[in-house]
């Protein structure tokens, strides 16, 4: 099995997680209340009409950061 792995597939989630944590910590240092929000679900369909999520792993990453840092969280991705 010879799969090519893109650097961005590995690094991008880590970079996003670190940036969210940085924003949370900087906000708290200013005595403000950070709130993390997932992106709104977009209805996208491929050429066969099958639904696909354009946000990939990002909403779950935001959920995990919010949980681990005990941050107020609004999940627009799962909202109906």
N, C-alpha and C. Protein backbone atom coordinates (compact mmCIF):
# COMPACT_ATOMS: atom_id res chain seq x y z
N UNK A 1 0.85 -1.17 0.00
CA UNK A 1 0.00 0.00 0.00
C UNK A 1 0.90 1.24 0.00
N UNK A 2 0.80 2.01 -1.04
CA UNK A 2 1.67 3.17 -1.19
C UNK A 2 0.82 4.43 -1.33
N UNK A 3 0.37 4.97 -0.20
CA UNK A 3 -0.48 6.16 -0.22
C UNK A 3 0.37 7.40 -0.01
N UNK A 4 0.04 8.43 -0.76
CA UNK A 4 0.70 9.72 -0.54
C UNK A 4 -0.11 10.50 0.49
N UNK A 5 0.58 11.01 1.47
CA UNK A 5 -0.07 11.83 2.50
C UNK A 5 0.40 13.25 2.32
N UNK A 6 -0.56 14.14 2.18
CA UNK A 6 -0.22 15.55 2.04
C UNK A 6 0.14 16.12 3.41
N UNK A 7 1.12 16.97 3.43
CA UNK A 7 1.54 17.60 4.69
C UNK A 7 0.37 18.34 5.31
N UNK A 8 -0.43 19.01 4.51
CA UNK A 8 -1.55 19.77 5.05
C UNK A 8 -2.59 18.89 5.75
N UNK A 9 -2.73 17.63 5.31
CA UNK A 9 -3.68 16.73 5.96
C UNK A 9 -3.29 16.45 7.40
N UNK A 10 -2.00 16.50 7.68
CA UNK A 10 -1.51 16.24 9.03
C UNK A 10 -1.36 17.53 9.83
N UNK A 11 -0.78 18.54 9.23
CA UNK A 11 -0.47 19.77 9.95
C UNK A 11 -1.65 20.71 10.12
N UNK A 12 -2.52 20.80 9.13
CA UNK A 12 -3.60 21.79 9.20
C UNK A 12 -4.49 21.64 10.43
N UNK A 13 -4.96 20.42 10.77
CA UNK A 13 -5.77 20.31 12.00
C UNK A 13 -5.01 20.76 13.25
N UNK A 14 -3.74 20.43 13.33
CA UNK A 14 -2.95 20.83 14.50
C UNK A 14 -2.79 22.35 14.55
N UNK A 15 -2.57 22.96 13.40
CA UNK A 15 -2.45 24.42 13.33
C UNK A 15 -3.77 25.08 13.73
N UNK A 16 -4.88 24.58 13.22
CA UNK A 16 -6.19 25.14 13.56
C UNK A 16 -6.47 24.99 15.05
N UNK A 17 -6.18 23.82 15.60
CA UNK A 17 -6.39 23.58 17.03
C UNK A 17 -5.55 24.54 17.87
N UNK A 18 -4.30 24.71 17.50
CA UNK A 18 -3.42 25.63 18.23
C UNK A 18 -3.90 27.07 18.13
N UNK A 19 -4.37 27.47 16.95
CA UNK A 19 -4.88 28.84 16.78
C UNK A 19 -6.13 29.08 17.61
N UNK A 20 -7.05 28.11 17.63
CA UNK A 20 -8.26 28.26 18.45
C UNK A 20 -7.89 28.38 19.93
N UNK A 21 -6.98 27.54 20.38
CA UNK A 21 -6.55 27.60 21.78
C UNK A 21 -5.89 28.94 22.08
N UNK A 22 -5.10 29.44 21.16
CA UNK A 22 -4.45 30.75 21.34
C UNK A 22 -5.50 31.86 21.45
N UNK A 23 -6.50 31.84 20.58
CA UNK A 23 -7.56 32.86 20.64
C UNK A 23 -8.32 32.79 21.97
N UNK A 24 -8.60 31.57 22.42
CA UNK A 24 -9.31 31.39 23.69
C UNK A 24 -8.47 31.97 24.84
N UNK A 25 -7.21 31.60 24.89
CA UNK A 25 -6.34 32.07 25.97
C UNK A 25 -6.14 33.58 25.95
N UNK A 26 -5.95 34.15 24.76
CA UNK A 26 -5.79 35.60 24.66
C UNK A 26 -7.07 36.34 25.07
N UNK A 27 -8.20 35.77 24.72
CA UNK A 27 -9.48 36.37 25.10
C UNK A 27 -9.65 36.34 26.61
N UNK A 28 -9.33 35.23 27.23
CA UNK A 28 -9.44 35.11 28.69
C UNK A 28 -8.47 36.05 29.40
N UNK A 29 -7.29 36.25 28.84
CA UNK A 29 -6.32 37.17 29.44
C UNK A 29 -6.84 38.60 29.48
N UNK A 30 -7.77 38.91 28.59
CA UNK A 30 -8.36 40.26 28.54
C UNK A 30 -9.65 40.32 29.33
N UNK A 31 -9.88 39.30 30.17
CA UNK A 31 -11.08 39.21 31.00
C UNK A 31 -12.36 39.23 30.19
N UNK A 32 -12.29 38.64 29.00
CA UNK A 32 -13.48 38.49 28.15
C UNK A 32 -13.87 37.01 28.14
N UNK A 33 -15.04 36.74 27.64
CA UNK A 33 -15.54 35.37 27.60
C UNK A 33 -15.47 34.85 26.17
N UNK A 34 -14.60 33.88 25.92
CA UNK A 34 -14.52 33.32 24.57
C UNK A 34 -15.71 32.42 24.26
N UNK A 35 -16.14 32.43 23.04
CA UNK A 35 -17.20 31.55 22.57
C UNK A 35 -16.74 30.96 21.23
N UNK A 36 -16.73 29.64 21.14
CA UNK A 36 -16.38 29.00 19.89
C UNK A 36 -17.65 28.56 19.17
N UNK A 37 -17.66 28.73 17.86
CA UNK A 37 -18.85 28.44 17.06
C UNK A 37 -18.42 27.64 15.83
N UNK A 38 -19.15 26.57 15.55
CA UNK A 38 -18.89 25.82 14.33
C UNK A 38 -19.53 26.54 13.15
N UNK A 39 -19.02 26.28 11.95
CA UNK A 39 -19.63 26.89 10.77
C UNK A 39 -21.02 26.30 10.51
N UNK A 40 -21.86 27.08 9.85
CA UNK A 40 -23.20 26.62 9.49
C UNK A 40 -23.08 25.51 8.44
N UNK A 41 -23.89 24.46 8.60
CA UNK A 41 -23.89 23.37 7.63
C UNK A 41 -24.36 23.89 6.28
N UNK A 42 -23.62 23.55 5.25
CA UNK A 42 -24.01 23.92 3.89
C UNK A 42 -24.49 22.67 3.17
N UNK A 43 -25.55 22.83 2.45
CA UNK A 43 -26.09 21.69 1.70
C UNK A 43 -25.43 21.64 0.34
N UNK A 44 -24.53 20.70 0.17
CA UNK A 44 -23.81 20.52 -1.09
C UNK A 44 -24.03 19.09 -1.57
N UNK A 45 -24.12 18.96 -2.88
CA UNK A 45 -24.34 17.65 -3.47
C UNK A 45 -23.36 17.45 -4.63
N UNK A 46 -22.91 16.22 -4.77
CA UNK A 46 -22.00 15.93 -5.88
C UNK A 46 -22.82 15.72 -7.16
N UNK A 47 -22.16 15.34 -8.24
CA UNK A 47 -22.83 15.20 -9.53
C UNK A 47 -23.86 14.08 -9.56
N UNK A 48 -23.79 13.15 -8.59
CA UNK A 48 -24.77 12.07 -8.53
C UNK A 48 -25.92 12.40 -7.58
N UNK A 49 -25.86 13.58 -6.96
CA UNK A 49 -26.91 13.98 -6.04
C UNK A 49 -26.67 13.57 -4.60
N UNK A 50 -25.51 13.00 -4.32
CA UNK A 50 -25.19 12.57 -2.96
C UNK A 50 -24.68 13.76 -2.14
N UNK A 51 -25.23 13.90 -0.93
CA UNK A 51 -24.83 14.99 -0.03
C UNK A 51 -23.41 14.78 0.45
N UNK A 52 -22.66 15.87 0.58
CA UNK A 52 -21.34 15.81 1.21
C UNK A 52 -21.11 17.07 2.04
N UNK A 53 -20.36 16.90 3.10
CA UNK A 53 -20.07 17.99 4.05
C UNK A 53 -18.81 18.71 3.60
N UNK A 54 -18.93 19.99 3.31
CA UNK A 54 -17.79 20.75 2.81
C UNK A 54 -16.81 21.17 3.91
N UNK A 55 -17.19 21.02 5.17
CA UNK A 55 -16.34 21.48 6.27
C UNK A 55 -15.36 20.43 6.78
N UNK A 56 -15.53 19.20 6.35
CA UNK A 56 -14.60 18.16 6.75
C UNK A 56 -14.51 17.98 8.25
N UNK A 57 -13.30 17.92 8.77
CA UNK A 57 -13.06 17.65 10.19
C UNK A 57 -13.14 18.90 11.05
N UNK A 58 -13.26 20.06 10.43
CA UNK A 58 -13.21 21.32 11.19
C UNK A 58 -14.26 21.41 12.30
N UNK A 59 -15.54 21.12 12.06
CA UNK A 59 -16.52 21.23 13.16
C UNK A 59 -16.18 20.35 14.36
N UNK A 60 -15.72 19.12 14.12
CA UNK A 60 -15.34 18.25 15.25
C UNK A 60 -14.13 18.80 15.99
N UNK A 61 -13.22 19.40 15.27
CA UNK A 61 -12.04 20.00 15.89
C UNK A 61 -12.47 21.13 16.83
N UNK A 62 -13.40 21.97 16.38
CA UNK A 62 -13.89 23.08 17.22
C UNK A 62 -14.58 22.51 18.46
N UNK A 63 -15.38 21.46 18.29
CA UNK A 63 -16.06 20.83 19.43
C UNK A 63 -15.05 20.33 20.46
N UNK A 64 -14.01 19.67 19.98
CA UNK A 64 -12.99 19.11 20.90
C UNK A 64 -12.24 20.21 21.64
N UNK A 65 -11.89 21.29 20.95
CA UNK A 65 -11.19 22.40 21.59
C UNK A 65 -12.09 23.05 22.64
N UNK A 66 -13.35 23.27 22.28
CA UNK A 66 -14.29 23.88 23.24
C UNK A 66 -14.43 23.01 24.48
N UNK A 67 -14.52 21.71 24.28
CA UNK A 67 -14.65 20.79 25.42
C UNK A 67 -13.39 20.77 26.27
N UNK A 68 -12.24 20.68 25.64
CA UNK A 68 -10.99 20.56 26.40
C UNK A 68 -10.64 21.83 27.15
N UNK A 69 -11.03 22.99 26.61
CA UNK A 69 -10.72 24.27 27.27
C UNK A 69 -11.89 24.84 28.06
N UNK A 70 -12.98 24.07 28.13
CA UNK A 70 -14.18 24.49 28.88
C UNK A 70 -14.65 25.88 28.42
N UNK A 71 -14.88 25.97 27.11
CA UNK A 71 -15.28 27.23 26.48
C UNK A 71 -16.76 27.16 26.12
N UNK A 72 -17.46 28.28 26.23
CA UNK A 72 -18.83 28.35 25.74
C UNK A 72 -18.81 27.95 24.27
N UNK A 73 -19.84 27.21 23.84
CA UNK A 73 -19.81 26.62 22.50
C UNK A 73 -21.19 26.67 21.86
N UNK A 74 -21.22 27.07 20.61
CA UNK A 74 -22.46 27.11 19.84
C UNK A 74 -22.24 26.26 18.59
N UNK A 75 -23.03 25.21 18.44
CA UNK A 75 -22.86 24.28 17.33
C UNK A 75 -23.87 24.58 16.23
N UNK A 76 -23.48 25.43 15.29
CA UNK A 76 -24.34 25.75 14.16
C UNK A 76 -24.28 24.67 13.10
N UNK A 77 -23.26 23.87 13.14
CA UNK A 77 -23.10 22.81 12.15
C UNK A 77 -24.18 21.74 12.31
N UNK A 78 -24.56 21.46 13.54
CA UNK A 78 -25.58 20.45 13.82
C UNK A 78 -26.96 21.03 14.07
N UNK A 79 -27.06 22.34 14.11
CA UNK A 79 -28.36 22.98 14.38
C UNK A 79 -29.31 22.72 13.23
N UNK A 80 -30.56 22.58 13.56
CA UNK A 80 -31.58 22.34 12.52
C UNK A 80 -32.45 23.56 12.33
